[in-house]
């Protein structure tokens, strides 16, 4: 809740940083000349591949490029990330643990929701870092469960093969145009 109040009072709906670097993409979107390869165009080395640009373009179409939308998404993705981390934490304890042991998860939440990470909240692109963390935590949990389950070798192989394309879409790796 304090992140929401912080964003509401300490930010403005002004295009800056990466928003300004992608005006050529918006021009193509509104001119109906946007292509799939435009979504892979690198900016500032190699980030903002299709996953991030998709959110950026949807924001432009649906909310007239309200920069706060992406900032609020950062907070929205922290909630499922903390739930995933808690589930992984509880499973790592093995046997069902009492509430006092589970309370040791609180410092992790304090770090995750701390305003010390204000840059991830107020600068464009921070939402994608939180989304990447969510996807990677979910992937590690899924791969761990698959690896521990007997007879799931095919699913494990599929997950391993599907990981690089998903990673590219969420800008965790360089654009294929730069490979």
Protein backbone atom coordinates (compact mmCIF):
# COMPACT_ATOMS: atom_id res chain seq x y z
CA UNK A 1 0.00 0.00 0.00
CA UNK A 2 2.80 2.42 0.78
CA UNK A 3 4.20 1.94 -2.75
CA UNK A 4 0.87 2.96 -4.23
CA UNK A 5 0.74 6.08 -2.08
CA UNK A 6 4.35 6.84 -2.96
CA UNK A 7 3.67 6.57 -6.70
CA UNK A 8 0.50 8.59 -6.43
CA UNK A 9 2.21 11.48 -4.64
CA UNK A 10 5.78 11.39 -5.97
CA UNK A 11 5.39 10.77 -9.70
CA UNK A 12 3.96 12.63 -12.66
CA UNK A 13 2.45 11.47 -15.92
CA UNK A 14 5.37 12.66 -18.05
CA UNK A 15 7.08 10.70 -20.81
CA UNK A 16 10.79 10.32 -20.05
CA UNK A 17 13.74 7.96 -20.55
CA UNK A 18 12.71 4.95 -22.62
CA UNK A 19 9.35 6.47 -23.50
CA UNK A 20 11.12 9.15 -25.51
CA UNK A 21 13.44 6.61 -27.12
CA UNK A 22 10.48 4.75 -28.58
CA UNK A 23 8.64 7.59 -30.27
CA UNK A 24 9.56 6.11 -33.65
CA UNK A 25 7.71 2.92 -32.64
CA UNK A 26 4.63 4.96 -31.71
CA UNK A 27 4.79 6.78 -35.03
CA UNK A 28 4.78 3.43 -36.85
CA UNK A 29 1.94 2.14 -34.65
CA UNK A 30 -0.29 5.10 -35.42
CA UNK A 31 0.70 5.07 -39.11
CA UNK A 32 -0.20 1.34 -39.25
CA UNK A 33 3.28 0.45 -40.53
CA UNK A 34 4.53 -1.34 -37.41
CA UNK A 35 6.11 -4.72 -38.18
CA UNK A 36 7.17 -7.66 -36.03
CA UNK A 37 10.81 -6.72 -36.58
CA UNK A 38 10.17 -3.22 -35.25
CA UNK A 39 9.33 -4.85 -31.92
CA UNK A 40 12.83 -6.34 -31.84
CA UNK A 41 14.57 -3.07 -32.60
CA UNK A 42 17.20 -2.51 -29.92
CA UNK A 43 17.28 0.64 -27.88
CA UNK A 44 20.02 1.56 -25.42
CA UNK A 45 22.02 -1.60 -26.20
CA UNK A 46 19.54 -4.47 -26.22
CA UNK A 47 16.54 -4.07 -23.98
CA UNK A 48 12.84 -3.58 -24.59
CA UNK A 49 12.16 -6.53 -26.83
CA UNK A 50 8.57 -7.58 -27.68
CA UNK A 51 7.28 -8.23 -24.16
CA UNK A 52 8.12 -4.75 -22.88
CA UNK A 53 7.22 -2.98 -26.09
CA UNK A 54 3.89 -4.83 -26.17
CA UNK A 55 2.98 -3.39 -22.78
CA UNK A 56 4.25 0.03 -23.89
CA UNK A 57 2.12 -0.07 -27.06
CA UNK A 58 -0.97 -1.31 -25.22
CA UNK A 59 -0.50 1.53 -22.77
CA UNK A 60 -0.34 3.96 -25.69
CA UNK A 61 -3.47 2.54 -27.31
CA UNK A 62 -5.62 2.06 -24.22
CA UNK A 63 -4.45 4.81 -21.86
CA UNK A 64 -2.91 7.41 -24.20
CA UNK A 65 0.57 6.56 -22.85
CA UNK A 66 -0.17 7.19 -19.19
CA UNK A 67 3.23 6.57 -17.66
CA UNK A 68 1.73 5.81 -14.26
CA UNK A 69 0.08 2.66 -15.65
CA UNK A 70 3.46 0.97 -16.01
CA UNK A 71 4.51 2.23 -12.59
CA UNK A 72 1.41 0.72 -10.99
CA UNK A 73 2.11 -2.54 -12.83
CA UNK A 74 5.38 -2.74 -10.92
CA UNK A 75 3.45 -2.90 -7.66
CA UNK A 76 0.83 -5.23 -9.09
CA UNK A 77 3.51 -7.76 -10.10
CA UNK A 78 5.14 -7.62 -6.67
CA UNK A 79 2.08 -9.30 -5.10
CA UNK A 80 2.16 -12.54 -7.15
CA UNK A 81 5.96 -12.53 -6.89
CA UNK A 82 5.76 -12.46 -3.11
CA UNK A 83 3.15 -15.26 -3.16
CA UNK A 84 5.40 -17.41 -5.36
CA UNK A 85 8.36 -16.78 -3.10
CA UNK A 86 6.31 -17.66 -0.03
CA UNK A 87 5.09 -20.92 -1.61
CA UNK A 88 8.69 -21.83 -2.49
CA UNK A 89 9.79 -20.86 1.03
CA UNK A 90 7.14 -23.06 2.68
CA UNK A 91 8.01 -26.02 0.46
CA UNK A 92 11.69 -25.61 1.28
CA UNK A 93 10.88 -26.10 4.96
CA UNK A 94 9.93 -29.70 4.26
CA UNK A 95 7.54 -30.69 7.00
CA UNK A 96 4.71 -28.32 7.84
CA UNK A 97 6.19 -25.59 10.00
CA UNK A 98 4.54 -23.57 12.70
CA UNK A 99 3.63 -19.94 12.33
CA UNK A 100 6.78 -18.79 14.16
CA UNK A 101 9.02 -20.46 11.57
CA UNK A 102 6.91 -19.13 8.70
CA UNK A 103 7.24 -15.66 10.19
CA UNK A 104 10.89 -15.74 9.20
CA UNK A 105 9.62 -14.97 5.68
CA UNK A 106 8.76 -11.41 6.78
CA UNK A 107 12.30 -10.02 6.18
CA UNK A 108 12.07 -11.20 2.58
CA UNK A 109 8.83 -9.26 2.16
CA UNK A 110 10.37 -6.20 3.78
CA UNK A 111 13.17 -6.28 1.21
CA UNK A 112 10.80 -6.97 -1.68
CA UNK A 113 8.36 -4.17 -0.78
CA UNK A 114 10.92 -1.71 0.55
CA UNK A 115 10.87 1.84 -0.73
CA UNK A 116 14.66 1.54 -0.91
CA UNK A 117 13.93 0.16 -4.39
CA UNK A 118 12.30 3.43 -5.39
CA UNK A 119 14.11 3.49 -8.74
CA UNK A 120 12.27 0.34 -9.81
CA UNK A 121 9.02 2.06 -8.89
CA UNK A 122 9.44 5.47 -10.49
CA UNK A 123 11.61 4.95 -13.58
CA UNK A 124 10.24 3.47 -16.75
CA UNK A 125 11.42 -0.08 -17.18
CA UNK A 126 11.26 -0.97 -13.50
CA UNK A 127 8.02 -2.85 -14.09
CA UNK A 128 9.82 -5.14 -16.51
CA UNK A 129 12.50 -5.97 -13.96
CA UNK A 130 9.84 -7.05 -11.49
CA UNK A 131 8.03 -9.01 -14.23
CA UNK A 132 11.31 -10.73 -15.12
CA UNK A 133 11.83 -11.67 -11.49
CA UNK A 134 8.30 -13.09 -11.36
CA UNK A 135 8.81 -15.16 -14.52
CA UNK A 136 12.20 -16.46 -13.38
CA UNK A 137 10.95 -17.40 -9.91
CA UNK A 138 7.95 -19.17 -11.47
CA UNK A 139 10.24 -20.96 -13.94
CA UNK A 140 12.63 -22.12 -11.22
CA UNK A 141 9.76 -23.38 -9.08
CA UNK A 142 8.24 -25.22 -12.05
CA UNK A 143 11.57 -26.74 -13.10
CA UNK A 144 12.26 -27.80 -9.52
CA UNK A 145 8.89 -29.52 -9.28
CA UNK A 146 9.37 -31.20 -12.66
CA UNK A 147 12.86 -32.38 -11.75
CA UNK A 148 11.58 -33.95 -8.53
CA UNK A 149 8.60 -35.69 -10.13
CA UNK A 150 9.28 -39.17 -11.54
CA UNK A 151 8.42 -39.71 -15.19
CA UNK A 152 8.35 -36.04 -16.13
CA UNK A 153 11.48 -35.99 -18.29
CA UNK A 154 9.53 -34.91 -21.37
CA UNK A 155 7.96 -31.97 -19.56
CA UNK A 156 11.34 -30.99 -18.15
CA UNK A 157 12.88 -31.04 -21.63
CA UNK A 158 9.99 -28.98 -23.02
CA UNK A 159 10.38 -26.40 -20.23
CA UNK A 160 14.12 -26.18 -20.87
CA UNK A 161 13.53 -25.64 -24.60
CA UNK A 162 10.73 -23.10 -24.05
CA UNK A 163 12.76 -21.02 -21.61
CA UNK A 164 15.01 -19.11 -24.07
CA UNK A 165 12.16 -17.81 -26.27
CA UNK A 166 10.19 -16.67 -23.21
CA UNK A 167 13.31 -15.05 -21.86
CA UNK A 168 13.79 -13.12 -25.11
CA UNK A 169 10.20 -11.87 -25.10
CA UNK A 170 10.66 -10.47 -21.61
CA UNK A 171 13.95 -8.76 -22.50
CA UNK A 172 16.13 -10.91 -20.34
CA UNK A 173 18.49 -11.51 -23.24
CA UNK A 174 19.75 -9.44 -26.17
CA UNK A 175 17.65 -8.96 -29.25
CA UNK A 176 18.21 -11.66 -31.92
CA UNK A 177 19.15 -8.83 -34.27
CA UNK A 178 22.31 -8.40 -32.23
CA UNK A 179 23.26 -12.11 -31.96
